[in-house]
């Protein structure tokens, strides 16, 4: 909770806006902003989302999960079963059936998927 408060305060101070002004913009009292920034109360989600939108930062940043305001980057790699019917249909859609290389290209893609799983 203290880290969130520190981030909220830092964001506000970075643009030299007072607690009173932030409160007016959000429709809250200055005392509420003060409690959130000093870790005396947890800011509700709508407040945290407002800060994220207003200061154009990620919720990861506000929660202290990263130091970059853009957010924590995840290396998402979905598990793909090369023998699944959905994957077969997808591969079929990717290539021109009239192409002389159609079969070879599909097979190469399937082999690449298998390599990626290792």
N, C-alpha and C. Protein backbone atom coordinates (compact mmCIF):
# COMPACT_ATOMS: atom_id res chain seq x y z
N UNK A 1 0.83 -1.18 0.00
CA UNK A 1 0.00 0.00 0.00
C UNK A 1 0.88 1.25 0.00
N UNK A 2 1.99 1.20 0.70
CA UNK A 2 2.90 2.36 0.76
C UNK A 2 3.50 2.64 -0.62
N UNK A 3 3.85 1.58 -1.34
CA UNK A 3 4.43 1.75 -2.68
C UNK A 3 3.43 2.42 -3.62
N UNK A 4 2.18 2.00 -3.56
CA UNK A 4 1.14 2.61 -4.40
C UNK A 4 1.01 4.10 -4.06
N UNK A 5 0.97 4.42 -2.80
CA UNK A 5 0.87 5.81 -2.38
C UNK A 5 2.05 6.64 -2.87
N UNK A 6 3.24 6.07 -2.77
CA UNK A 6 4.44 6.77 -3.25
C UNK A 6 4.36 7.03 -4.75
N UNK A 7 3.86 6.03 -5.50
CA UNK A 7 3.73 6.21 -6.95
C UNK A 7 2.69 7.29 -7.27
N UNK A 8 1.58 7.27 -6.57
CA UNK A 8 0.54 8.29 -6.82
C UNK A 8 1.08 9.68 -6.55
N UNK A 9 1.79 9.83 -5.45
CA UNK A 9 2.37 11.12 -5.09
C UNK A 9 3.41 11.56 -6.11
N UNK A 10 4.25 10.63 -6.50
CA UNK A 10 5.30 10.92 -7.47
C UNK A 10 4.70 11.37 -8.81
N UNK A 11 3.66 10.69 -9.24
CA UNK A 11 3.00 11.08 -10.49
C UNK A 11 2.43 12.49 -10.38
N UNK A 12 1.75 12.76 -9.30
CA UNK A 12 1.15 14.08 -9.10
C UNK A 12 2.22 15.16 -9.07
N UNK A 13 3.27 14.92 -8.31
CA UNK A 13 4.33 15.91 -8.18
C UNK A 13 5.13 16.09 -9.47
N UNK A 14 5.16 15.07 -10.31
CA UNK A 14 5.93 15.17 -11.56
C UNK A 14 5.36 16.23 -12.50
N UNK A 15 4.09 16.54 -12.35
CA UNK A 15 3.47 17.57 -13.19
C UNK A 15 3.08 18.80 -12.36
N UNK A 16 3.56 18.81 -11.13
CA UNK A 16 3.35 19.96 -10.23
C UNK A 16 1.88 20.33 -10.05
N UNK A 17 1.08 19.31 -9.77
CA UNK A 17 -0.34 19.50 -9.48
C UNK A 17 -0.54 19.27 -7.98
N UNK A 18 -1.32 20.11 -7.35
CA UNK A 18 -1.57 19.97 -5.92
C UNK A 18 -2.59 18.86 -5.66
N UNK A 19 -2.62 18.40 -4.43
CA UNK A 19 -3.62 17.42 -4.03
C UNK A 19 -5.03 17.99 -4.21
N UNK A 20 -5.17 19.27 -3.95
CA UNK A 20 -6.48 19.91 -4.11
C UNK A 20 -6.92 19.83 -5.57
N UNK A 21 -6.02 20.14 -6.51
CA UNK A 21 -6.35 20.12 -7.94
C UNK A 21 -6.69 18.70 -8.40
N UNK A 22 -5.92 17.71 -7.96
CA UNK A 22 -6.21 16.31 -8.30
C UNK A 22 -7.59 15.93 -7.77
N UNK A 23 -7.86 16.33 -6.54
CA UNK A 23 -9.17 16.05 -5.95
C UNK A 23 -10.30 16.65 -6.76
N UNK A 24 -10.13 17.90 -7.20
CA UNK A 24 -11.16 18.55 -8.01
C UNK A 24 -11.35 17.79 -9.32
N UNK A 25 -10.26 17.43 -9.97
CA UNK A 25 -10.35 16.70 -11.24
C UNK A 25 -11.06 15.36 -11.09
N UNK A 26 -10.88 14.72 -9.92
CA UNK A 26 -11.46 13.40 -9.70
C UNK A 26 -12.79 13.46 -8.96
N UNK A 27 -13.13 14.60 -8.43
CA UNK A 27 -14.36 14.71 -7.65
C UNK A 27 -14.20 14.16 -6.24
N UNK A 28 -12.98 14.30 -5.70
CA UNK A 28 -12.69 13.82 -4.35
C UNK A 28 -12.17 14.97 -3.49
N UNK A 29 -12.14 14.74 -2.20
CA UNK A 29 -11.59 15.73 -1.27
C UNK A 29 -10.07 15.60 -1.23
N UNK A 30 -9.42 16.71 -0.94
CA UNK A 30 -7.97 16.71 -0.80
C UNK A 30 -7.53 15.75 0.28
N UNK A 31 -8.31 15.64 1.34
CA UNK A 31 -7.94 14.75 2.44
C UNK A 31 -7.90 13.28 1.99
N UNK A 32 -8.76 12.91 1.07
CA UNK A 32 -8.73 11.54 0.54
C UNK A 32 -7.45 11.29 -0.25
N UNK A 33 -7.10 12.25 -1.10
CA UNK A 33 -5.86 12.14 -1.89
C UNK A 33 -4.67 12.02 -0.94
N UNK A 34 -4.65 12.81 0.09
CA UNK A 34 -3.57 12.78 1.07
C UNK A 34 -3.46 11.40 1.73
N UNK A 35 -4.59 10.83 2.12
CA UNK A 35 -4.57 9.50 2.75
C UNK A 35 -4.06 8.44 1.78
N UNK A 36 -4.46 8.51 0.51
CA UNK A 36 -3.98 7.53 -0.48
C UNK A 36 -2.47 7.66 -0.67
N UNK A 37 -1.99 8.88 -0.80
CA UNK A 37 -0.57 9.10 -1.04
C UNK A 37 0.30 8.73 0.15
N UNK A 38 -0.21 8.87 1.34
CA UNK A 38 0.58 8.56 2.54
C UNK A 38 0.36 7.15 3.06
N UNK A 39 -0.38 6.34 2.31
CA UNK A 39 -0.58 4.95 2.69
C UNK A 39 -1.49 4.76 3.88
N UNK A 40 -2.28 5.76 4.22
CA UNK A 40 -3.20 5.65 5.34
C UNK A 40 -4.52 5.01 4.94
N UNK A 41 -4.77 4.97 3.63
CA UNK A 41 -5.98 4.33 3.11
C UNK A 41 -5.66 3.78 1.73
N UNK A 42 -6.34 2.71 1.36
CA UNK A 42 -6.16 2.14 0.03
C UNK A 42 -7.04 2.88 -0.97
N UNK A 43 -6.43 3.28 -2.05
CA UNK A 43 -7.19 3.96 -3.10
C UNK A 43 -8.08 2.94 -3.81
N UNK A 44 -9.35 3.29 -4.05
CA UNK A 44 -10.22 2.38 -4.78
C UNK A 44 -9.75 2.21 -6.23
N UNK A 45 -10.20 1.14 -6.85
CA UNK A 45 -9.78 0.86 -8.22
C UNK A 45 -10.08 2.01 -9.17
N UNK A 46 -11.23 2.65 -9.01
CA UNK A 46 -11.57 3.73 -9.93
C UNK A 46 -10.56 4.87 -9.83
N UNK A 47 -10.02 5.10 -8.63
CA UNK A 47 -9.00 6.13 -8.44
C UNK A 47 -7.70 5.70 -9.12
N UNK A 48 -7.31 4.45 -8.92
CA UNK A 48 -6.08 3.95 -9.54
C UNK A 48 -6.18 3.99 -11.06
N UNK A 49 -7.33 3.60 -11.58
CA UNK A 49 -7.53 3.65 -13.03
C UNK A 49 -7.49 5.09 -13.53
N UNK A 50 -8.04 6.02 -12.77
CA UNK A 50 -8.00 7.42 -13.15
C UNK A 50 -6.55 7.90 -13.26
N UNK A 51 -5.74 7.57 -12.25
CA UNK A 51 -4.32 7.96 -12.28
C UNK A 51 -3.64 7.34 -13.50
N UNK A 52 -3.88 6.07 -13.75
CA UNK A 52 -3.25 5.40 -14.90
C UNK A 52 -3.62 6.09 -16.21
N UNK A 53 -4.88 6.42 -16.36
CA UNK A 53 -5.32 7.09 -17.58
C UNK A 53 -4.81 8.52 -17.66
N UNK A 54 -4.93 9.26 -16.59
CA UNK A 54 -4.54 10.67 -16.59
C UNK A 54 -3.04 10.85 -16.83
N UNK A 55 -2.23 10.02 -16.19
CA UNK A 55 -0.78 10.16 -16.32
C UNK A 55 -0.20 9.23 -17.38
N UNK A 56 -1.05 8.48 -18.05
CA UNK A 56 -0.66 7.57 -19.13
C UNK A 56 0.44 6.60 -18.68
N UNK A 57 0.14 5.90 -17.59
CA UNK A 57 1.04 4.87 -17.08
C UNK A 57 0.25 3.57 -16.91
N UNK A 58 0.96 2.50 -16.71
CA UNK A 58 0.30 1.22 -16.53
C UNK A 58 -0.06 0.98 -15.06
N UNK A 59 -0.99 0.08 -14.85
CA UNK A 59 -1.32 -0.31 -13.48
C UNK A 59 -0.14 -1.04 -12.84
N UNK A 60 0.64 -1.76 -13.63
CA UNK A 60 1.85 -2.40 -13.11
C UNK A 60 2.77 -1.37 -12.49
N UNK A 61 2.90 -0.24 -13.13
CA UNK A 61 3.75 0.83 -12.61
C UNK A 61 3.19 1.36 -11.29
N UNK A 62 1.90 1.63 -11.27
CA UNK A 62 1.28 2.16 -10.05
C UNK A 62 1.44 1.18 -8.88
N UNK A 63 1.32 -0.11 -9.15
CA UNK A 63 1.44 -1.11 -8.10
C UNK A 63 2.89 -1.45 -7.76
N UNK A 64 3.83 -0.82 -8.45
CA UNK A 64 5.24 -1.05 -8.13
C UNK A 64 5.79 -2.35 -8.67
N UNK A 65 5.12 -2.92 -9.67
CA UNK A 65 5.59 -4.17 -10.24
C UNK A 65 6.69 -3.96 -11.27
N UNK A 66 6.89 -2.72 -11.69
CA UNK A 66 7.94 -2.40 -12.64
C UNK A 66 8.36 -0.95 -12.42
N UNK A 67 9.47 -0.59 -12.99
CA UNK A 67 9.94 0.78 -12.85
C UNK A 67 9.64 1.62 -14.09
N UNK A 68 9.26 0.97 -15.18
CA UNK A 68 8.93 1.68 -16.40
C UNK A 68 7.45 2.02 -16.40
N UNK A 69 7.11 3.27 -16.64
CA UNK A 69 5.69 3.65 -16.65
C UNK A 69 4.87 2.92 -17.71
N UNK A 70 5.52 2.39 -18.75
CA UNK A 70 4.79 1.70 -19.81
C UNK A 70 4.24 0.35 -19.36
N UNK A 71 4.77 -0.19 -18.32
CA UNK A 71 4.26 -1.46 -17.81
C UNK A 71 5.25 -2.59 -17.96
N UNK A 72 4.91 -3.65 -17.30
CA UNK A 72 5.73 -4.85 -17.33
C UNK A 72 5.44 -5.58 -18.64
N UNK A 73 6.48 -5.93 -19.36
CA UNK A 73 6.30 -6.63 -20.62
C UNK A 73 6.37 -8.13 -20.37
N UNK A 74 5.40 -8.83 -20.92
CA UNK A 74 5.36 -10.27 -20.78
C UNK A 74 5.71 -10.90 -22.12
N UNK A 75 6.48 -11.93 -22.06
CA UNK A 75 6.84 -12.67 -23.26
C UNK A 75 5.81 -13.78 -23.42
N UNK A 76 4.67 -13.42 -23.97
CA UNK A 76 3.57 -14.36 -24.10
C UNK A 76 3.86 -15.34 -25.23
N UNK A 77 3.88 -16.60 -24.89
CA UNK A 77 4.10 -17.64 -25.87
C UNK A 77 3.03 -18.71 -25.68
N UNK A 78 1.95 -18.60 -26.43
CA UNK A 78 0.87 -19.57 -26.26
C UNK A 78 1.31 -20.97 -26.63
N UNK A 79 0.73 -21.91 -25.93
CA UNK A 79 1.02 -23.31 -26.24
C UNK A 79 0.21 -23.70 -27.48
N UNK A 80 0.91 -24.19 -28.47
CA UNK A 80 0.27 -24.53 -29.73
C UNK A 80 0.49 -26.02 -29.99
N UNK A 81 -0.59 -26.71 -30.15
CA UNK A 81 -0.51 -28.13 -30.48
C UNK A 81 -0.56 -28.25 -32.00
N UNK A 82 0.54 -28.71 -32.58
CA UNK A 82 0.59 -28.76 -34.04
C UNK A 82 -0.41 -29.74 -34.65
N UNK A 83 -0.89 -30.66 -33.84
CA UNK A 83 -1.84 -31.64 -34.37
C UNK A 83 -3.29 -31.28 -34.06
N UNK A 84 -3.53 -30.09 -33.52
CA UNK A 84 -4.90 -29.70 -33.20
C UNK A 84 -5.65 -29.35 -34.48
N UNK A 85 -6.95 -29.64 -34.53
CA UNK A 85 -7.74 -29.30 -35.71
C UNK A 85 -7.76 -27.80 -36.00
N UNK A 86 -7.78 -27.00 -34.94
CA UNK A 86 -7.78 -25.55 -35.14
C UNK A 86 -6.51 -25.08 -35.82
N UNK A 87 -5.37 -25.63 -35.38
CA UNK A 87 -4.10 -25.24 -35.98
C UNK A 87 -4.03 -25.71 -37.42
N UNK A 88 -4.52 -26.87 -37.72
CA UNK A 88 -4.54 -27.37 -39.10
C UNK A 88 -5.37 -26.44 -39.99
N UNK A 89 -6.55 -26.02 -39.50
CA UNK A 89 -7.39 -25.11 -40.28
C UNK A 89 -6.69 -23.77 -40.49
N UNK A 90 -6.03 -23.29 -39.46
CA UNK A 90 -5.30 -22.03 -39.58
C UNK A 90 -4.21 -22.14 -40.64
N UNK A 91 -3.45 -23.21 -40.60
CA UNK A 91 -2.37 -23.40 -41.57
C UNK A 91 -2.93 -23.50 -42.98
N UNK A 92 -4.05 -24.19 -43.13
CA UNK A 92 -4.68 -24.30 -44.45
C UNK A 92 -5.08 -22.93 -44.99
N UNK A 93 -5.55 -22.06 -44.11
CA UNK A 93 -5.98 -20.73 -44.53
C UNK A 93 -4.80 -19.84 -44.92
N UNK A 94 -3.62 -20.12 -44.42
CA UNK A 94 -2.47 -19.25 -44.65
C UNK A 94 -1.87 -19.34 -46.04
N UNK A 95 -2.14 -20.41 -46.75
CA UNK A 95 -1.46 -20.62 -48.02
C UNK A 95 -2.44 -20.80 -49.17
N UNK A 96 -2.00 -20.35 -50.33
CA UNK A 96 -2.79 -20.47 -51.55
C UNK A 96 -2.80 -21.94 -51.98
N UNK A 97 -3.99 -22.55 -52.05
CA UNK A 97 -4.03 -23.98 -52.42
C UNK A 97 -3.56 -24.23 -53.85
N UNK A 98 -3.55 -23.22 -54.71
CA UNK A 98 -3.11 -23.40 -56.10
C UNK A 98 -1.60 -23.26 -56.25
N UNK A 99 -0.93 -22.88 -55.18
CA UNK A 99 0.51 -22.69 -55.26
C UNK A 99 1.23 -24.04 -55.31
N UNK A 100 2.24 -24.16 -56.16
CA UNK A 100 2.99 -25.42 -56.23
C UNK A 100 3.77 -25.68 -54.93
N UNK A 101 4.01 -24.65 -54.14
CA UNK A 101 4.76 -24.81 -52.89
C UNK A 101 3.85 -25.00 -51.68
N UNK A 102 2.57 -25.08 -51.89
CA UNK A 102 1.59 -25.14 -50.81
C UNK A 102 1.93 -26.21 -49.77
N UNK A 103 2.10 -27.44 -50.19
CA UNK A 103 2.38 -28.54 -49.28
C UNK A 103 3.67 -28.35 -48.51
N UNK A 104 4.71 -27.91 -49.21
CA UNK A 104 6.01 -27.71 -48.58
C UNK A 104 5.96 -26.59 -47.54
N UNK A 105 5.28 -25.50 -47.87
CA UNK A 105 5.16 -24.38 -46.94
C UNK A 105 4.41 -24.80 -45.67
N UNK A 106 3.33 -25.53 -45.83
CA UNK A 106 2.56 -26.00 -44.67
C UNK A 106 3.41 -26.90 -43.79
N UNK A 107 4.13 -27.81 -44.41
CA UNK A 107 4.97 -28.73 -43.64
C UNK A 107 6.07 -27.99 -42.90
N UNK A 108 6.66 -27.00 -43.54
CA UNK A 108 7.70 -26.20 -42.90
C UNK A 108 7.14 -25.46 -41.68
N UNK A 109 5.95 -24.90 -41.81
CA UNK A 109 5.33 -24.20 -40.69
C UNK A 109 5.08 -25.15 -39.52
N UNK A 110 4.60 -26.33 -39.80
CA UNK A 110 4.35 -27.33 -38.75
C UNK A 110 5.66 -27.70 -38.06
N UNK A 111 6.73 -27.87 -38.83
CA UNK A 111 8.03 -28.19 -38.25
C UNK A 111 8.54 -27.04 -37.37
N UNK A 112 8.31 -25.81 -37.81
CA UNK A 112 8.72 -24.64 -37.02
C UNK A 112 7.95 -24.60 -35.69
N UNK A 113 6.68 -24.93 -35.73
CA UNK A 113 5.89 -24.96 -34.49
C UNK A 113 6.43 -26.01 -33.53
N UNK A 114 6.81 -27.16 -34.05
CA UNK A 114 7.37 -28.21 -33.21
C UNK A 114 8.68 -27.76 -32.59
N UNK A 115 9.53 -27.07 -33.36
CA UNK A 115 10.80 -26.57 -32.86
C UNK A 115 10.60 -25.54 -31.76
N UNK A 116 9.59 -24.71 -31.92
CA UNK A 116 9.30 -23.67 -30.94
C UNK A 116 8.87 -24.22 -29.59
N UNK A 117 8.33 -25.42 -29.58
CA UNK A 117 7.88 -26.05 -28.33
C UNK A 117 9.02 -26.60 -27.51
N UNK A 118 10.16 -26.81 -28.13
CA UNK A 118 11.30 -27.44 -27.43
C UNK A 118 11.97 -26.48 -26.49
